[in-house]
Amino acid sequence: MHYQIIKQIPTYIGFAVYVAETPSGEQVVIKRAETELDKQKLQKYVQHVQEMQELVNEKLVYPTLLHYDGYELIMPFYRWGRIDEVGDKAVLRDLTLQAIDTLFRIAAIETVSMPSVEERLRFSRSSIVYEAISRLDRLERAFKENSLARKWVSGNKVEGAMDANGLIKNLTSWITDGSLEQVATRVAAPSLGLASHGDFTLSNVLLREPASSDAAIVFIDTRARWFSGLPWWDPVMDLATLLVFHCRFEPALSDLEHESAHVYYRLSEKEILNICFSSKSFQNWINHDPLWLKRLQIHLAIRLLGNISSQLTVASENQVERATIALGLFAEQVGRVRDTIS
């Protein structure tokens, strides 16, 4: 496919993203993986989108894949932007409701190839522990392999650095001492849902058309855990992702950088939870998942833990300051988790 690059879109390290134009005048987005690891991530993303489009017949919810060759993916450019850039708070609430309702509706879809109820429950329980351990492992790898992360955690003199090593060990003891594994057997969902998103921030929900309360939306940058040939995710963890980034981390960055300059309105955690209860699909989900709120507290901590290493290793600027903010938010949430576990 021939195209002319128009501009580069800022993104995390590991990918290069461009807006380009084809000879016919159509604008597209080009996403290129820059490392072997990121090629694998891109391949998994393509696999997930293709599976969801075929599995649940939700072609309009996911982007059209125009071209993929292993390291480069081309998709339409959705020029109407992200839903968190909408300049009308009532419309933002309505679009957020639509996104949450779509998230839980797709998660609840049953297919003929589903594994047994018992297998799904075991996978659901193990997934809570897996998500926590994998993020802790990722942080420990960053401390070993990334020089900036090593300096930050050891307290060497880097601007804004602190001695985080002892604090992190204390804050993650509920993961390493078996407490999380025990509580996971009590609070796990009866089954994970189909992975309708997997990285559910409002910046990963785009508009297919001009912003209005009922405008069509697109889920981008989705991910999944694969089990029995199907993509799975806990939609309650996706809700945690939304709360972590939209309500906690991004507002905390406002004094550090102009991260939120393009976001006209921000919904509070209370507003988002109220929106959830306005969703029929959410209500249907929690009717069969009575301990969702306890699990939400755990998932909030897990997402905040993962955010520490992300800021140290893939943020393009202010890595130390961003990681320090993430650590502080994680410390606050751990107190709530320990109350849940006890």
Protein backbone atom coordinates (compact mmCIF):
# COMPACT_ATOMS: atom_id res chain seq x y z
CA MET A 1 0.00 0.00 0.00
CA HIS A 2 1.38 3.42 -0.99
CA TYR A 3 0.85 6.40 1.26
CA GLN A 4 2.31 9.75 2.23
CA ILE A 5 3.12 10.42 5.90
CA ILE A 6 1.29 13.50 7.21
CA LYS A 7 2.36 13.53 10.86
CA GLN A 8 3.64 11.34 13.68
CA ILE A 9 1.44 10.73 16.72
CA PRO A 10 3.27 10.74 20.09
CA THR A 11 3.11 7.34 21.78
CA TYR A 12 4.99 5.11 24.18
CA ILE A 13 8.45 3.76 23.33
CA GLY A 14 8.34 0.58 21.23
CA PHE A 15 5.94 1.72 18.52
CA ALA A 16 5.91 4.48 15.93
CA VAL A 17 2.45 5.73 14.94
CA TYR A 18 1.74 7.95 11.94
CA VAL A 19 -1.20 9.53 10.18
CA ALA A 20 -0.81 9.06 6.43
CA GLU A 21 -2.77 9.57 3.21
CA THR A 22 -3.33 7.09 0.40
CA PRO A 23 -3.30 8.11 -3.31
CA SER A 24 -7.12 8.18 -3.21
CA GLY A 25 -7.06 10.76 -0.40
CA GLU A 26 -8.09 8.38 2.39
CA GLN A 27 -6.39 9.04 5.73
CA VAL A 28 -5.04 6.05 7.62
CA VAL A 29 -3.10 5.28 10.79
CA ILE A 30 0.15 3.33 10.48
CA LYS A 31 1.40 1.51 13.57
CA ARG A 32 4.94 0.11 13.33
CA ALA A 33 6.62 -2.16 15.86
CA GLU A 34 10.23 -1.21 16.55
CA THR A 35 11.43 -4.33 18.43
CA GLU A 36 10.83 -8.07 18.25
CA LEU A 37 8.86 -7.93 21.50
CA ASP A 38 6.63 -5.21 20.09
CA LYS A 39 6.14 -7.22 16.89
CA GLN A 40 4.74 -9.97 19.11
CA LYS A 41 2.43 -7.48 20.84
CA LEU A 42 1.22 -6.19 17.49
CA GLN A 43 0.56 -9.74 16.28
CA LYS A 44 -1.48 -10.50 19.40
CA TYR A 45 -3.46 -7.30 18.91
CA VAL A 46 -4.31 -8.21 15.32
CA GLN A 47 -5.27 -11.71 16.40
CA HIS A 48 -7.55 -10.34 19.11
CA VAL A 49 -9.33 -7.87 16.82
CA GLN A 50 -9.87 -10.50 14.13
CA GLU A 51 -11.17 -13.02 16.66
CA MET A 52 -13.62 -10.57 18.23
CA GLN A 53 -14.92 -9.40 14.85
CA GLU A 54 -15.61 -12.98 13.86
CA LEU A 55 -16.59 -14.44 17.22
CA VAL A 56 -19.21 -11.95 18.38
CA ASN A 57 -20.04 -10.22 15.08
CA GLU A 58 -19.01 -6.85 16.48
CA LYS A 59 -17.23 -5.50 13.42
CA LEU A 60 -18.20 -1.88 14.05
CA VAL A 61 -16.87 -1.89 17.64
CA TYR A 62 -13.36 -2.78 16.47
CA PRO A 63 -11.21 -1.04 13.85
CA THR A 64 -11.00 -2.24 10.27
CA LEU A 65 -7.58 -3.83 9.63
CA LEU A 66 -6.54 -2.61 6.18
CA HIS A 67 -3.07 -4.14 6.04
CA TYR A 68 -0.78 -6.16 8.32
CA ASP A 69 2.59 -7.63 7.43
CA GLY A 70 4.07 -8.67 10.76
CA TYR A 71 5.58 -5.38 11.84
CA GLU A 72 3.29 -2.74 10.31
CA LEU A 73 -0.46 -2.39 10.80
CA ILE A 74 -2.63 0.04 8.82
CA MET A 75 -6.10 1.05 9.98
CA PRO A 76 -8.54 3.86 9.13
CA PHE A 77 -7.86 7.23 10.74
CA TYR A 78 -10.85 8.06 12.95
CA ARG A 79 -10.67 11.82 12.61
CA TRP A 80 -13.33 12.58 15.18
CA GLY A 81 -10.91 11.71 17.97
CA ARG A 82 -11.17 10.14 21.40
CA ILE A 83 -14.24 10.30 23.56
CA ASP A 84 -12.30 11.92 26.42
CA GLU A 85 -11.68 14.89 24.11
CA VAL A 86 -15.39 15.67 23.78
CA GLY A 87 -16.14 19.26 24.81
CA ASP A 88 -19.62 18.62 26.23
CA LYS A 89 -19.78 16.88 29.60
CA ALA A 90 -23.30 15.52 29.08
CA VAL A 91 -22.18 13.96 25.78
CA LEU A 92 -19.05 12.62 27.49
CA ARG A 93 -21.23 10.91 30.12
CA ASP A 94 -23.47 9.40 27.44
CA LEU A 95 -20.53 8.12 25.41
CA THR A 96 -18.90 6.70 28.54
CA LEU A 97 -22.16 4.91 29.32
CA GLN A 98 -22.24 3.50 25.81
CA ALA A 99 -18.62 2.31 26.11
CA ILE A 100 -19.19 0.67 29.53
CA ASP A 101 -22.42 -0.96 28.37
CA THR A 102 -20.67 -2.30 25.25
CA LEU A 103 -17.77 -3.56 27.37
CA PHE A 104 -19.96 -5.63 29.70
CA ARG A 105 -22.37 -6.72 26.95
CA ILE A 106 -19.60 -8.26 24.87
CA ALA A 107 -17.92 -9.76 27.94
CA ALA A 108 -21.10 -11.69 28.74
CA ILE A 109 -21.54 -13.25 25.28
CA GLU A 110 -21.52 -17.06 25.31
CA THR A 111 -20.22 -19.11 22.41
CA VAL A 112 -20.58 -22.79 21.57
CA SER A 113 -16.84 -23.35 22.08
CA MET A 114 -16.78 -22.15 25.69
CA PRO A 115 -14.89 -24.39 28.18
CA SER A 116 -16.80 -25.87 31.12
CA VAL A 117 -18.04 -23.73 34.03
CA GLU A 118 -15.52 -25.40 36.36
CA GLU A 119 -12.60 -24.70 34.01
CA ARG A 120 -13.65 -21.08 33.63
CA LEU A 121 -13.88 -20.61 37.40
CA ARG A 122 -10.37 -22.03 37.92
CA PHE A 123 -9.03 -19.77 35.18
CA SER A 124 -10.80 -16.76 36.71
CA ARG A 125 -9.22 -17.42 40.11
CA SER A 126 -5.75 -17.96 38.70
CA SER A 127 -6.00 -14.84 36.54
CA ILE A 128 -6.15 -12.48 39.52
CA VAL A 129 -2.87 -13.86 40.86
CA TYR A 130 -1.35 -13.98 37.37
CA GLU A 131 -2.12 -10.32 36.68
CA ALA A 132 -0.49 -9.25 39.96
CA ILE A 133 2.58 -11.48 39.70
CA SER A 134 3.21 -10.59 36.05
CA ARG A 135 3.24 -6.87 36.89
CA LEU A 136 5.51 -7.40 39.87
CA ASP A 137 7.86 -9.47 37.68
CA ARG A 138 7.82 -6.74 35.05
CA LEU A 139 8.82 -4.17 37.68
CA GLU A 140 11.64 -6.37 38.97
CA ARG A 141 12.91 -6.89 35.40
CA ALA A 142 12.92 -3.14 34.91
CA PHE A 143 15.08 -2.74 38.02
CA LYS A 144 17.57 -5.26 36.59
CA GLU A 145 17.60 -4.22 32.94
CA ASN A 146 16.81 -0.49 32.87
CA SER A 147 19.52 1.83 34.22
CA LEU A 148 17.11 4.64 35.07
CA ALA A 149 14.85 2.23 36.95
CA ARG A 150 17.85 0.84 38.87
CA LYS A 151 18.92 4.31 39.95
CA TRP A 152 15.38 5.22 40.93
CA VAL A 153 14.76 2.16 43.08
CA SER A 154 18.17 2.24 44.76
CA GLY A 155 17.95 5.92 45.60
CA ASN A 156 20.99 6.97 43.57
CA LYS A 157 21.07 10.64 42.69
CA VAL A 158 18.67 11.07 39.85
CA GLU A 159 16.48 14.16 39.84
CA GLY A 160 13.32 13.36 41.79
CA ALA A 161 14.64 9.93 42.83
CA MET A 162 13.78 8.21 46.11
CA ASP A 163 14.68 4.95 47.82
CA ALA A 164 11.72 2.94 46.58
CA ASN A 165 13.07 -0.59 47.04
CA GLY A 166 12.05 -1.19 50.65
CA LEU A 167 8.73 0.59 50.15
CA ILE A 168 7.82 -1.55 47.14
CA LYS A 169 8.70 -4.78 48.95
CA ASN A 170 6.44 -3.77 51.83
CA LEU A 171 3.62 -2.64 49.56
CA THR A 172 3.64 -5.88 47.55
CA SER A 173 3.89 -8.34 50.45
CA TRP A 174 0.18 -9.21 50.06
CA ILE A 175 1.03 -10.52 46.59
CA THR A 176 4.12 -12.52 47.58
CA ASP A 177 3.02 -13.97 50.95
CA GLY A 178 0.04 -15.93 49.62
CA SER A 179 -2.67 -13.53 50.85
CA LEU A 180 -3.80 -12.66 47.33
CA GLU A 181 -3.97 -16.30 46.28
CA GLN A 182 -6.24 -17.05 49.24
CA VAL A 183 -8.58 -14.11 48.67
CA ALA A 184 -8.73 -14.82 44.91
CA THR A 185 -10.66 -18.03 45.61
CA ARG A 186 -13.35 -15.94 47.32
CA VAL A 187 -13.67 -12.84 45.14
CA ALA A 188 -13.04 -14.20 41.63
CA ALA A 189 -15.79 -13.82 39.07
CA PRO A 190 -17.64 -17.09 38.34
CA SER A 191 -16.10 -16.72 34.88
CA LEU A 192 -13.96 -14.22 33.06
CA GLY A 193 -15.71 -12.60 30.12
CA LEU A 194 -14.72 -12.47 26.50
CA ALA A 195 -12.01 -9.85 26.20
CA SER A 196 -14.08 -6.96 24.90
CA HIS A 197 -11.21 -4.54 25.56
CA GLY A 198 -8.34 -5.26 27.98
CA ASP A 199 -6.95 -1.70 28.21
CA PHE A 200 -10.12 0.28 28.76
CA THR A 201 -9.19 3.93 29.01
CA LEU A 202 -11.30 6.63 27.41
CA SER A 203 -8.29 7.47 25.22
CA ASN A 204 -8.64 3.97 23.76
CA VAL A 205 -12.25 4.59 22.70
CA LEU A 206 -12.58 6.56 19.46
CA LEU A 207 -15.49 8.16 17.64
CA ARG A 208 -16.56 6.84 14.23
CA GLU A 209 -18.56 10.02 13.60
CA PRO A 210 -19.02 13.54 15.01
CA ALA A 211 -19.51 13.61 18.78
CA SER A 212 -23.08 13.20 19.96
CA SER A 213 -24.76 11.25 22.72
CA ASP A 214 -25.38 8.26 20.44
CA ALA A 215 -22.33 8.47 18.16
CA ALA A 216 -20.77 5.14 17.14
CA ILE A 217 -17.57 4.25 19.00
CA VAL A 218 -14.48 2.13 18.26
CA PHE A 219 -12.37 0.14 20.75
CA ILE A 220 -8.63 0.37 19.99
CA ASP A 221 -5.44 -1.05 21.56
CA THR A 222 -7.29 -4.05 22.93
CA ARG A 223 -5.65 -7.08 24.56
CA ALA A 224 -6.55 -10.45 26.03
CA ARG A 225 -5.41 -13.57 27.85
CA TRP A 226 -5.94 -16.66 25.74
CA PHE A 227 -7.44 -19.85 27.18
CA SER A 228 -8.99 -22.79 25.36
CA GLY A 229 -8.57 -20.94 22.06
CA LEU A 230 -10.56 -17.88 23.15
CA PRO A 231 -9.61 -14.35 24.31
CA TRP A 232 -10.59 -13.62 27.94
CA TRP A 233 -10.54 -10.67 30.34
CA ASP A 234 -12.25 -9.54 33.51
CA PRO A 235 -14.39 -6.50 32.62
CA VAL A 236 -14.09 -5.40 36.25
CA MET A 237 -10.35 -5.04 35.66
CA ASP A 238 -11.16 -2.91 32.63
CA LEU A 239 -13.31 -0.74 34.90
CA ALA A 240 -10.31 -0.48 37.25
CA THR A 241 -8.16 0.65 34.30
CA LEU A 242 -10.65 3.40 33.49
CA LEU A 243 -10.70 4.64 37.09
CA VAL A 244 -6.91 4.47 37.49
CA PHE A 245 -6.06 6.51 34.43
CA HIS A 246 -9.00 8.86 33.95
CA CYS A 247 -9.62 9.64 37.63
CA ARG A 248 -6.26 9.17 39.37
CA PHE A 249 -3.06 9.05 37.34
CA GLU A 250 -3.82 11.52 34.55
CA PRO A 251 -5.13 14.23 36.92
CA ALA A 252 -2.05 13.71 39.13
CA LEU A 253 0.15 14.53 36.12
CA SER A 254 -1.46 17.92 35.58
CA ASP A 255 1.15 19.80 37.63
CA LEU A 256 3.99 17.91 35.95
CA GLU A 257 3.11 18.27 32.29
CA HIS A 258 0.31 19.27 29.96
CA GLU A 259 -0.92 15.68 29.78
CA SER A 260 -4.57 16.63 30.07
CA ALA A 261 -4.61 19.87 28.08
CA HIS A 262 -6.86 18.32 25.43
CA VAL A 263 -9.31 16.82 27.97
CA TYR A 264 -12.10 19.34 28.48
CA TYR A 265 -13.98 17.48 31.19
CA ARG A 266 -13.06 14.73 33.60
CA LEU A 267 -15.53 12.41 35.26
CA SER A 268 -15.04 11.56 38.93
CA GLU A 269 -14.92 7.99 40.21
CA LYS A 270 -18.36 8.48 41.75
CA GLU A 271 -19.74 9.72 38.42
CA ILE A 272 -18.29 6.74 36.56
CA LEU A 273 -19.69 4.23 39.06
CA ASN A 274 -23.08 5.95 38.81
CA ILE A 275 -22.82 5.60 35.03
CA CYS A 276 -22.10 1.88 35.50
CA PHE A 277 -25.32 1.41 37.43
CA SER A 278 -27.18 3.07 34.56
CA SER A 279 -25.94 0.32 32.25
CA LYS A 280 -28.20 -2.69 31.78
CA SER A 281 -25.25 -4.85 30.74
CA PHE A 282 -23.30 -3.88 33.86
CA GLN A 283 -26.29 -4.66 36.05
CA ASN A 284 -26.70 -8.04 34.38
CA TRP A 285 -23.03 -8.80 34.98
CA ILE A 286 -22.94 -7.96 38.69
CA ASN A 287 -26.15 -9.95 39.29
CA HIS A 288 -23.94 -13.01 38.70
CA ASP A 289 -20.78 -11.50 40.22
CA PRO A 290 -21.70 -10.40 43.78
CA LEU A 291 -18.10 -9.75 44.93
CA TRP A 292 -17.16 -7.52 42.00
CA LEU A 293 -16.58 -4.47 44.20
CA LYS A 294 -14.04 -6.25 46.42
CA ARG A 295 -12.24 -7.47 43.32
CA LEU A 296 -12.31 -3.95 41.88
CA GLN A 297 -10.19 -2.75 44.82
CA ILE A 298 -7.62 -5.45 44.07
CA HIS A 299 -7.59 -4.70 40.35
CA LEU A 300 -7.10 -0.98 41.04
CA ALA A 301 -3.93 -1.85 42.96
CA ILE A 302 -2.73 -4.27 40.27
CA ARG A 303 -3.16 -1.66 37.51
CA LEU A 304 -1.35 0.97 39.59
CA LEU A 305 1.49 -1.47 40.27
CA GLY A 306 1.88 -2.15 36.55
CA ASN A 307 1.89 1.55 35.84
CA ILE A 308 5.12 2.06 37.82
CA SER A 309 7.24 -0.02 35.46
CA SER A 310 5.43 1.37 32.42
CA GLN A 311 6.40 4.91 33.36
CA LEU A 312 10.02 3.92 33.97
CA THR A 313 10.50 1.95 30.75
CA VAL A 314 8.14 3.19 28.02
CA ALA A 315 7.16 6.77 28.90
CA SER A 316 8.92 9.16 26.53
CA GLU A 317 9.63 11.86 29.13
CA ASN A 318 9.58 12.61 32.88
CA GLN A 319 9.96 8.90 33.63
CA VAL A 320 11.20 9.30 37.21
CA GLU A 321 8.56 11.84 38.16
CA ARG A 322 5.76 9.83 36.55
CA ALA A 323 6.88 6.61 38.26
CA THR A 324 7.03 8.41 41.63
CA ILE A 325 3.43 9.59 41.14
CA ALA A 326 2.36 6.05 40.21
CA LEU A 327 4.08 4.63 43.29
CA GLY A 328 2.30 7.11 45.57
CA LEU A 329 -1.09 6.21 44.11
CA PHE A 330 -0.26 2.49 44.45
CA ALA A 331 0.64 3.00 48.12
CA GLU A 332 -2.71 4.67 48.78
CA GLN A 333 -4.63 1.83 47.11
CA VAL A 334 -2.73 -0.92 48.94
CA GLY A 335 -4.29 0.26 52.21
CA ARG A 336 -7.75 -0.37 50.75
CA VAL A 337 -6.67 -3.77 49.44
CA ARG A 338 -5.40 -4.86 52.84
CA ASP A 339 -8.78 -3.97 54.31
CA THR A 340 -10.38 -6.14 51.60
CA ILE A 341 -8.07 -9.06 52.27
CA SER A 342 -8.36 -8.98 56.07
